[in-house]
Amino acid sequence: MLITCPYCGPRDVIEFTYQGDGNRERPQPNSQDLDAWNAYVYDRLNPAGDHNEIWQHSGGCRTHLRMVRNTVTHEISSTGFARGDHNAAARHKAGGKS
């Protein structure tokens, strides 16, 4: 399986580390809602079909990616920066600081 890194281009999946579900929302840090914290820490979905995920290019530039991957076919329909900073790649390639 090839994953397209915004910095490095297409790379083999062996260079990447799965970081988690891209749809989960963390409760507010000062929240006292134990049910919400319990769900955040322990509950996981196991969807069949397209799924929003966070990955890290751990064997390369170490950037975090957000991708949509089909959990049945493993087809990747989109990849991009996890935080949406599309200008970081251009600055990096130009020799500037990110």
N, C-alpha and C. Protein backbone atom coordinates (compact mmCIF):
# COMPACT_ATOMS: atom_id res chain seq x y z
N MET A 1 0.85 -1.17 0.00
CA MET A 1 0.00 0.00 0.00
C MET A 1 0.90 1.23 0.00
N LEU A 2 0.61 2.19 -0.87
CA LEU A 2 1.35 3.44 -0.95
C LEU A 2 0.53 4.55 -0.30
N ILE A 3 1.21 5.38 0.48
CA ILE A 3 0.60 6.55 1.10
C ILE A 3 1.33 7.77 0.56
N THR A 4 0.58 8.78 0.12
CA THR A 4 1.19 9.98 -0.43
C THR A 4 1.41 11.01 0.68
N CYS A 5 2.67 11.26 1.00
CA CYS A 5 3.05 12.27 1.99
C CYS A 5 3.10 13.63 1.28
N PRO A 6 2.55 14.70 1.88
CA PRO A 6 2.59 16.02 1.25
C PRO A 6 4.02 16.53 1.03
N TYR A 7 4.97 16.12 1.87
CA TYR A 7 6.36 16.53 1.71
C TYR A 7 7.12 15.62 0.77
N CYS A 8 7.01 14.31 0.96
CA CYS A 8 7.90 13.33 0.34
C CYS A 8 7.32 12.63 -0.87
N GLY A 9 6.03 12.75 -1.11
CA GLY A 9 5.39 12.05 -2.22
C GLY A 9 4.99 10.64 -1.82
N PRO A 10 4.69 9.78 -2.80
CA PRO A 10 4.24 8.42 -2.51
C PRO A 10 5.33 7.59 -1.81
N ARG A 11 4.96 6.95 -0.71
CA ARG A 11 5.88 6.12 0.06
C ARG A 11 5.16 4.85 0.49
N ASP A 12 5.94 3.80 0.76
CA ASP A 12 5.37 2.54 1.22
C ASP A 12 4.81 2.69 2.62
N VAL A 13 3.77 1.96 2.92
CA VAL A 13 3.09 2.03 4.22
C VAL A 13 4.04 1.71 5.37
N ILE A 14 5.11 0.96 5.14
CA ILE A 14 6.06 0.59 6.20
C ILE A 14 6.70 1.82 6.84
N GLU A 15 6.72 2.96 6.12
CA GLU A 15 7.31 4.19 6.65
C GLU A 15 6.36 4.96 7.57
N PHE A 16 5.11 4.51 7.69
CA PHE A 16 4.10 5.26 8.42
C PHE A 16 3.62 4.50 9.66
N THR A 17 3.15 5.27 10.65
CA THR A 17 2.60 4.70 11.87
C THR A 17 1.18 5.23 12.06
N TYR A 18 0.25 4.31 12.27
CA TYR A 18 -1.14 4.70 12.53
C TYR A 18 -1.22 5.38 13.89
N GLN A 19 -1.83 6.55 13.94
CA GLN A 19 -1.93 7.32 15.18
C GLN A 19 -3.32 7.30 15.79
N GLY A 20 -4.34 6.98 15.00
CA GLY A 20 -5.66 6.90 15.60
C GLY A 20 -6.78 7.39 14.71
N ASP A 21 -7.96 7.34 15.28
CA ASP A 21 -9.19 7.74 14.62
C ASP A 21 -9.21 9.25 14.44
N GLY A 22 -9.44 9.71 13.23
CA GLY A 22 -9.47 11.13 12.95
C GLY A 22 -10.77 11.81 13.28
N ASN A 23 -11.76 11.06 13.75
CA ASN A 23 -13.07 11.63 14.07
C ASN A 23 -13.29 11.85 15.56
N ARG A 24 -12.41 11.35 16.39
CA ARG A 24 -12.62 11.45 17.84
C ARG A 24 -12.42 12.89 18.31
N GLU A 25 -13.25 13.31 19.24
CA GLU A 25 -13.12 14.64 19.83
C GLU A 25 -12.83 14.50 21.31
N ARG A 26 -11.75 15.14 21.74
CA ARG A 26 -11.35 15.08 23.14
C ARG A 26 -12.24 16.00 23.97
N PRO A 27 -12.67 15.52 25.14
CA PRO A 27 -13.43 16.40 26.04
C PRO A 27 -12.57 17.58 26.49
N GLN A 28 -13.21 18.65 26.91
CA GLN A 28 -12.47 19.79 27.44
C GLN A 28 -11.62 19.35 28.63
N PRO A 29 -10.38 19.84 28.76
CA PRO A 29 -9.49 19.39 29.83
C PRO A 29 -10.08 19.54 31.24
N ASN A 30 -10.90 20.56 31.45
CA ASN A 30 -11.47 20.76 32.79
C ASN A 30 -12.83 20.08 32.97
N SER A 31 -13.21 19.26 32.00
CA SER A 31 -14.50 18.57 32.07
C SER A 31 -14.51 17.53 33.19
N GLN A 32 -15.59 17.52 33.95
CA GLN A 32 -15.77 16.54 35.02
C GLN A 32 -16.67 15.39 34.59
N ASP A 33 -17.02 15.34 33.31
CA ASP A 33 -17.91 14.31 32.78
C ASP A 33 -17.13 13.01 32.59
N LEU A 34 -17.20 12.14 33.59
CA LEU A 34 -16.43 10.89 33.55
C LEU A 34 -16.88 9.96 32.43
N ASP A 35 -18.15 10.00 32.08
CA ASP A 35 -18.63 9.17 30.97
C ASP A 35 -17.99 9.61 29.65
N ALA A 36 -17.86 10.92 29.46
CA ALA A 36 -17.23 11.44 28.24
C ALA A 36 -15.75 11.06 28.19
N TRP A 37 -15.05 11.18 29.31
CA TRP A 37 -13.63 10.80 29.35
C TRP A 37 -13.47 9.30 29.15
N ASN A 38 -14.33 8.50 29.76
CA ASN A 38 -14.27 7.05 29.59
C ASN A 38 -14.48 6.67 28.12
N ALA A 39 -15.44 7.30 27.46
CA ALA A 39 -15.70 7.03 26.05
C ALA A 39 -14.50 7.44 25.19
N TYR A 40 -13.89 8.59 25.51
CA TYR A 40 -12.73 9.07 24.75
C TYR A 40 -11.54 8.12 24.87
N VAL A 41 -11.29 7.64 26.07
CA VAL A 41 -10.12 6.79 26.31
C VAL A 41 -10.33 5.36 25.83
N TYR A 42 -11.51 4.79 26.04
CA TYR A 42 -11.69 3.36 25.83
C TYR A 42 -12.55 2.94 24.63
N ASP A 43 -13.53 3.75 24.25
CA ASP A 43 -14.45 3.33 23.20
C ASP A 43 -13.84 3.55 21.82
N ARG A 44 -13.93 2.54 20.97
CA ARG A 44 -13.44 2.62 19.60
C ARG A 44 -14.49 2.05 18.66
N LEU A 45 -14.64 2.70 17.52
CA LEU A 45 -15.51 2.19 16.48
C LEU A 45 -14.69 1.28 15.58
N ASN A 46 -15.33 0.37 14.90
CA ASN A 46 -14.67 -0.50 13.94
C ASN A 46 -15.48 -0.45 12.65
N PRO A 47 -15.41 0.70 11.94
CA PRO A 47 -16.28 0.88 10.78
C PRO A 47 -15.83 0.06 9.57
N ALA A 48 -16.77 -0.34 8.76
CA ALA A 48 -16.48 -0.95 7.47
C ALA A 48 -16.76 0.11 6.41
N GLY A 49 -15.75 0.44 5.63
CA GLY A 49 -15.90 1.48 4.61
C GLY A 49 -14.93 2.62 4.86
N ASP A 50 -15.25 3.79 4.31
CA ASP A 50 -14.37 4.95 4.43
C ASP A 50 -14.26 5.40 5.88
N HIS A 51 -13.02 5.68 6.29
CA HIS A 51 -12.75 6.06 7.67
C HIS A 51 -11.68 7.14 7.70
N ASN A 52 -11.91 8.19 8.48
CA ASN A 52 -10.97 9.29 8.65
C ASN A 52 -9.93 8.89 9.69
N GLU A 53 -8.63 8.91 9.31
CA GLU A 53 -7.57 8.43 10.20
C GLU A 53 -6.42 9.43 10.27
N ILE A 54 -5.66 9.35 11.35
CA ILE A 54 -4.44 10.14 11.52
C ILE A 54 -3.26 9.18 11.46
N TRP A 55 -2.26 9.52 10.63
CA TRP A 55 -1.04 8.72 10.48
C TRP A 55 0.16 9.65 10.62
N GLN A 56 1.32 9.11 10.99
CA GLN A 56 2.56 9.87 11.04
C GLN A 56 3.57 9.23 10.10
N HIS A 57 4.28 10.07 9.35
CA HIS A 57 5.34 9.58 8.47
C HIS A 57 6.59 9.38 9.34
N SER A 58 6.54 8.37 10.18
CA SER A 58 7.58 8.13 11.19
C SER A 58 8.91 7.69 10.59
N GLY A 59 8.90 7.11 9.40
CA GLY A 59 10.14 6.68 8.76
C GLY A 59 10.64 7.69 7.74
N GLY A 60 10.14 8.90 7.80
CA GLY A 60 10.52 9.93 6.84
C GLY A 60 10.55 11.30 7.50
N CYS A 61 9.71 12.20 7.03
CA CYS A 61 9.73 13.59 7.49
C CYS A 61 9.03 13.81 8.82
N ARG A 62 8.36 12.80 9.35
CA ARG A 62 7.70 12.81 10.65
C ARG A 62 6.45 13.69 10.73
N THR A 63 5.94 14.15 9.59
CA THR A 63 4.73 14.94 9.60
C THR A 63 3.51 14.07 9.91
N HIS A 64 2.48 14.69 10.46
CA HIS A 64 1.22 13.99 10.72
C HIS A 64 0.27 14.23 9.56
N LEU A 65 -0.40 13.16 9.14
CA LEU A 65 -1.31 13.21 8.00
C LEU A 65 -2.72 12.84 8.44
N ARG A 66 -3.68 13.41 7.76
CA ARG A 66 -5.07 13.00 7.90
C ARG A 66 -5.44 12.35 6.58
N MET A 67 -5.97 11.13 6.64
CA MET A 67 -6.33 10.45 5.40
C MET A 67 -7.68 9.77 5.54
N VAL A 68 -8.31 9.56 4.39
CA VAL A 68 -9.54 8.77 4.33
C VAL A 68 -9.16 7.46 3.67
N ARG A 69 -9.35 6.36 4.43
CA ARG A 69 -8.98 5.03 3.96
C ARG A 69 -10.18 4.11 4.10
N ASN A 70 -10.40 3.30 3.08
CA ASN A 70 -11.46 2.31 3.13
C ASN A 70 -10.95 1.12 3.93
N THR A 71 -11.61 0.79 5.03
CA THR A 71 -11.13 -0.27 5.92
C THR A 71 -11.36 -1.67 5.36
N VAL A 72 -12.13 -1.78 4.30
CA VAL A 72 -12.37 -3.08 3.67
C VAL A 72 -11.35 -3.34 2.56
N THR A 73 -11.17 -2.34 1.67
CA THR A 73 -10.28 -2.51 0.52
C THR A 73 -8.90 -1.91 0.73
N HIS A 74 -8.72 -1.10 1.78
CA HIS A 74 -7.50 -0.36 2.09
C HIS A 74 -7.17 0.71 1.04
N GLU A 75 -8.12 1.04 0.19
CA GLU A 75 -7.92 2.10 -0.79
C GLU A 75 -7.93 3.45 -0.07
N ILE A 76 -6.95 4.29 -0.39
CA ILE A 76 -6.85 5.62 0.20
C ILE A 76 -7.43 6.62 -0.79
N SER A 77 -8.47 7.33 -0.37
CA SER A 77 -9.12 8.27 -1.28
C SER A 77 -8.60 9.69 -1.13
N SER A 78 -8.00 10.04 0.02
CA SER A 78 -7.41 11.37 0.17
C SER A 78 -6.40 11.38 1.30
N THR A 79 -5.39 12.24 1.15
CA THR A 79 -4.41 12.48 2.21
C THR A 79 -4.15 13.98 2.28
N GLY A 80 -3.73 14.44 3.44
CA GLY A 80 -3.39 15.85 3.62
C GLY A 80 -2.78 16.06 4.98
N PHE A 81 -2.39 17.29 5.24
CA PHE A 81 -1.82 17.62 6.54
C PHE A 81 -2.86 17.47 7.63
N ALA A 82 -2.47 16.95 8.77
CA ALA A 82 -3.40 16.76 9.88
C ALA A 82 -3.93 18.09 10.39
N ARG A 83 -3.09 19.11 10.37
CA ARG A 83 -3.52 20.42 10.89
C ARG A 83 -3.90 21.39 9.79
N GLY A 84 -3.83 20.97 8.55
CA GLY A 84 -4.27 21.83 7.46
C GLY A 84 -3.27 22.89 7.03
N ASP A 85 -2.00 22.81 7.45
CA ASP A 85 -1.00 23.81 7.07
C ASP A 85 -0.40 23.44 5.72
N HIS A 86 -1.07 23.84 4.65
CA HIS A 86 -0.63 23.48 3.30
C HIS A 86 0.60 24.28 2.87
N ASN A 87 0.86 25.42 3.49
CA ASN A 87 2.02 26.22 3.11
C ASN A 87 3.31 25.69 3.71
N ALA A 88 3.23 24.82 4.70
CA ALA A 88 4.43 24.29 5.34
C ALA A 88 5.28 23.51 4.35
N ALA A 89 4.67 22.74 3.46
CA ALA A 89 5.42 21.96 2.47
C ALA A 89 6.19 22.89 1.54
N ALA A 90 5.56 23.97 1.10
CA ALA A 90 6.24 24.91 0.21
C ALA A 90 7.40 25.58 0.92
N ARG A 91 7.21 25.97 2.18
CA ARG A 91 8.31 26.59 2.94
C ARG A 91 9.44 25.60 3.15
N HIS A 92 9.10 24.35 3.43
CA HIS A 92 10.10 23.31 3.67
C HIS A 92 10.93 23.07 2.41
N LYS A 93 10.25 22.94 1.27
CA LYS A 93 10.95 22.69 0.00
C LYS A 93 11.81 23.88 -0.40
N ALA A 94 11.42 25.10 0.00
CA ALA A 94 12.19 26.30 -0.33
C ALA A 94 13.33 26.54 0.65
N GLY A 95 13.46 25.69 1.65
CA GLY A 95 14.54 25.83 2.62
C GLY A 95 14.18 26.69 3.81
N GLY A 96 12.93 27.11 3.92
CA GLY A 96 12.49 27.92 5.04
C GLY A 96 12.10 27.07 6.23
N LYS A 97 11.90 27.74 7.35
CA LYS A 97 11.46 27.03 8.55
C LYS A 97 9.97 26.81 8.50
N SER A 98 9.54 25.68 9.05
CA SER A 98 8.10 25.36 9.07
C SER A 98 7.41 26.07 10.19
